[in-house]
């Protein structure tokens, strides 16, 4: 929950080490070029690989490269770009693979960058290889701050909030 300052579940968090937005490809580009992302045409201009069975779209309708999963145990300076900048500690996995996390101050909401949204899309069973970002409705973008990401025909999705990592302890 966004009102928490500590919890478990960080094993479900990913991290982009490079801002993926500018490296993204707009959903309408997939509609204009139906072979994009298919039949060996999965390398995008920025050099990342598109996976039609596990793709990400951000609030402006750009398809992005996947983040690295899970986020590594460690200490991260995070902010939502508003009032709170604080230390996030992510623990190593426990015996069940769960990773605890805690913020030195504030709540997860306080360090969420509210305008940024992203979602991970997976084709529904039986739709693998048949779905594409071209199935997204371009009129659903941009997504307003705090709103759920739009659905994509034939896909399940998982919405994600965005924190900015401004430093990583070495």
Protein backbone atom coordinates (compact mmCIF):
# COMPACT_ATOMS: atom_id res chain seq x y z
CA UNK A 1 0.00 0.00 0.00
CA UNK A 2 1.15 3.51 -0.78
CA UNK A 3 0.54 4.57 2.84
CA UNK A 4 3.26 2.19 4.07
CA UNK A 5 6.79 3.09 5.04
CA UNK A 6 7.86 -0.57 5.18
CA UNK A 7 6.56 -3.90 3.94
CA UNK A 8 7.55 -7.00 1.98
CA UNK A 9 7.20 -7.50 -1.76
CA UNK A 10 10.23 -5.70 -3.18
CA UNK A 11 11.00 -8.88 -5.14
CA UNK A 12 8.20 -7.69 -7.44
CA UNK A 13 9.92 -4.35 -8.08
CA UNK A 14 12.11 -3.61 -11.05
CA UNK A 15 14.63 -0.91 -11.80
CA UNK A 16 15.52 0.95 -14.98
CA UNK A 17 19.13 2.04 -14.88
CA UNK A 18 18.54 4.34 -17.87
CA UNK A 19 15.40 6.48 -18.32
CA UNK A 20 13.31 4.25 -20.62
CA UNK A 21 10.87 6.93 -21.82
CA UNK A 22 13.09 8.61 -24.42
CA UNK A 23 14.18 5.16 -25.65
CA UNK A 24 10.55 4.09 -26.13
CA UNK A 25 8.48 3.50 -29.26
CA UNK A 26 4.96 4.95 -29.46
CA UNK A 27 2.05 2.50 -29.64
CA UNK A 28 0.87 4.09 -32.89
CA UNK A 29 4.23 3.16 -34.46
CA UNK A 30 3.30 -0.49 -33.86
CA UNK A 31 -0.01 0.18 -35.64
CA UNK A 32 1.74 1.91 -38.58
CA UNK A 33 4.28 -0.90 -38.91
CA UNK A 34 2.53 -4.23 -38.09
CA UNK A 35 5.78 -6.20 -38.44
CA UNK A 36 7.41 -4.16 -35.64
CA UNK A 37 8.25 -6.50 -32.78
CA UNK A 38 7.46 -9.65 -34.78
CA UNK A 39 9.31 -12.25 -36.82
CA UNK A 40 12.86 -11.29 -35.91
CA UNK A 41 12.02 -7.57 -35.92
CA UNK A 42 12.18 -7.25 -32.14
CA UNK A 43 15.23 -4.97 -31.78
CA UNK A 44 14.14 -1.37 -31.35
CA UNK A 45 16.16 1.61 -32.67
CA UNK A 46 17.53 2.34 -29.17
CA UNK A 47 18.96 -1.21 -29.06
CA UNK A 48 16.59 -2.93 -26.62
CA UNK A 49 14.62 -6.09 -27.37
CA UNK A 50 10.82 -6.02 -27.52
CA UNK A 51 9.04 -9.07 -26.08
CA UNK A 52 5.45 -9.40 -27.40
CA UNK A 53 4.56 -11.66 -24.47
CA UNK A 54 5.75 -9.23 -21.77
CA UNK A 55 5.77 -5.55 -22.71
CA UNK A 56 5.66 -2.22 -20.90
CA UNK A 57 3.82 0.99 -21.81
CA UNK A 58 4.23 4.35 -20.05
CA UNK A 59 1.77 7.19 -19.50
CA UNK A 60 2.44 8.90 -22.85
CA UNK A 61 1.89 5.73 -24.88
CA UNK A 62 5.52 4.77 -25.36
CA UNK A 63 6.43 1.09 -25.29
CA UNK A 64 9.54 0.72 -23.15
CA UNK A 65 12.25 -1.80 -22.53
CA UNK A 66 11.79 -4.06 -19.53
CA UNK A 67 13.31 -3.01 -16.22
CA UNK A 68 15.73 -5.34 -14.44
CA UNK A 69 13.92 -7.67 -12.04
CA UNK A 70 14.06 -7.95 -9.13
CA UNK A 71 15.59 -4.80 -7.70
CA UNK A 72 18.87 -5.76 -6.01
CA UNK A 73 19.19 -5.67 -2.23
CA UNK A 74 20.79 -2.42 -1.15
CA UNK A 75 20.22 1.19 -0.20
CA UNK A 76 18.78 3.67 -2.64
CA UNK A 77 18.14 7.40 -2.33
CA UNK A 78 14.63 7.86 -3.75
CA UNK A 79 12.23 10.71 -4.41
CA UNK A 80 8.95 11.43 -6.08
CA UNK A 81 10.21 14.87 -7.04
CA UNK A 82 7.93 16.59 -4.55
CA UNK A 83 8.77 17.07 -0.85
CA UNK A 84 10.45 13.86 0.34
CA UNK A 85 13.86 12.50 -0.64
CA UNK A 86 14.86 9.59 1.59
CA UNK A 87 16.76 6.35 1.91
CA UNK A 88 15.06 3.14 0.72
CA UNK A 89 16.56 -0.09 2.05
CA UNK A 90 15.78 -3.33 0.18
CA UNK A 91 16.72 -6.47 2.10
CA UNK A 92 18.07 -9.69 0.60
CA UNK A 93 15.43 -12.36 -0.09
CA UNK A 94 14.30 -14.42 2.89
CA UNK A 95 13.87 -18.21 2.79
CA UNK A 96 10.68 -17.84 0.74
CA UNK A 97 12.25 -15.37 -1.72
CA UNK A 98 10.40 -12.36 -0.28
CA UNK A 99 12.29 -9.06 -0.02
CA UNK A 100 11.41 -6.59 2.73
CA UNK A 101 11.82 -2.86 2.17
CA UNK A 102 11.70 0.23 4.36
CA UNK A 103 11.91 3.97 3.98
CA UNK A 104 13.91 6.09 6.40
CA UNK A 105 11.17 8.75 6.31
CA UNK A 106 7.82 9.24 4.62
CA UNK A 107 5.57 6.73 2.88
CA UNK A 108 5.68 5.05 -0.49
CA UNK A 109 3.15 7.65 -1.68
CA UNK A 110 5.54 10.43 -0.63
CA UNK A 111 8.30 9.10 -2.88
CA UNK A 112 6.09 8.14 -5.84
CA UNK A 113 6.44 10.45 -8.82
CA UNK A 114 2.73 10.93 -9.39
CA UNK A 115 2.77 12.02 -13.07
CA UNK A 116 4.68 8.89 -14.15
CA UNK A 117 2.74 5.69 -14.74
CA UNK A 118 3.64 2.43 -16.37
CA UNK A 119 2.10 -0.99 -16.80
CA UNK A 120 3.34 -4.41 -17.71
CA UNK A 121 1.17 -6.22 -20.26
CA UNK A 122 0.89 -9.98 -20.77
CA UNK A 123 -1.24 -11.62 -23.46
CA UNK A 124 -4.14 -13.59 -21.95
CA UNK A 125 -3.90 -17.40 -22.26
CA UNK A 126 -4.30 -18.40 -25.90
CA UNK A 127 -3.37 -14.88 -27.08
CA UNK A 128 0.42 -15.33 -26.86
CA UNK A 129 2.11 -13.99 -29.98
CA UNK A 130 -1.22 -12.53 -31.18
CA UNK A 131 -1.23 -9.29 -29.15
CA UNK A 132 0.75 -6.13 -29.67
CA UNK A 133 0.97 -2.56 -28.38
CA UNK A 134 -0.91 -1.79 -31.63
CA UNK A 135 -3.97 -3.14 -29.77
CA UNK A 136 -3.81 -0.17 -27.37
CA UNK A 137 -6.19 2.73 -27.98
CA UNK A 138 -4.08 5.81 -28.73
CA UNK A 139 -6.90 8.03 -27.42
CA UNK A 140 -6.28 6.61 -23.91
CA UNK A 141 -2.98 8.53 -23.74
CA UNK A 142 -1.65 10.48 -21.98
CA UNK A 143 -2.80 8.91 -18.73
CA UNK A 144 -3.66 11.47 -16.05
CA UNK A 145 -1.56 11.39 -12.85
CA UNK A 146 -2.77 8.74 -10.41
CA UNK A 147 -5.05 7.01 -12.90
CA UNK A 148 -4.79 3.36 -13.87
CA UNK A 149 -3.05 2.58 -17.11
CA UNK A 150 -5.42 1.67 -19.97
CA UNK A 151 -6.19 -1.87 -20.95
CA UNK A 152 -4.79 -3.43 -24.12
CA UNK A 153 -7.12 -5.77 -26.01
CA UNK A 154 -6.35 -9.42 -25.23
CA UNK A 155 -3.87 -8.61 -22.42
CA UNK A 156 -3.76 -8.72 -18.65
CA UNK A 157 -1.82 -5.89 -17.01
CA UNK A 158 -0.07 -4.91 -13.83
CA UNK A 159 0.12 -1.19 -13.03
CA UNK A 160 3.33 0.17 -11.51
CA UNK A 161 4.12 3.44 -9.75
CA UNK A 162 7.44 5.18 -10.40
CA UNK A 163 10.07 6.32 -7.89
CA UNK A 164 13.17 8.19 -8.98
CA UNK A 165 16.39 6.63 -7.77
CA UNK A 166 18.84 9.51 -7.42
CA UNK A 167 21.72 7.57 -5.85
CA UNK A 168 22.69 3.98 -5.06
CA UNK A 169 24.95 3.11 -2.13
CA UNK A 170 27.98 1.11 -3.24
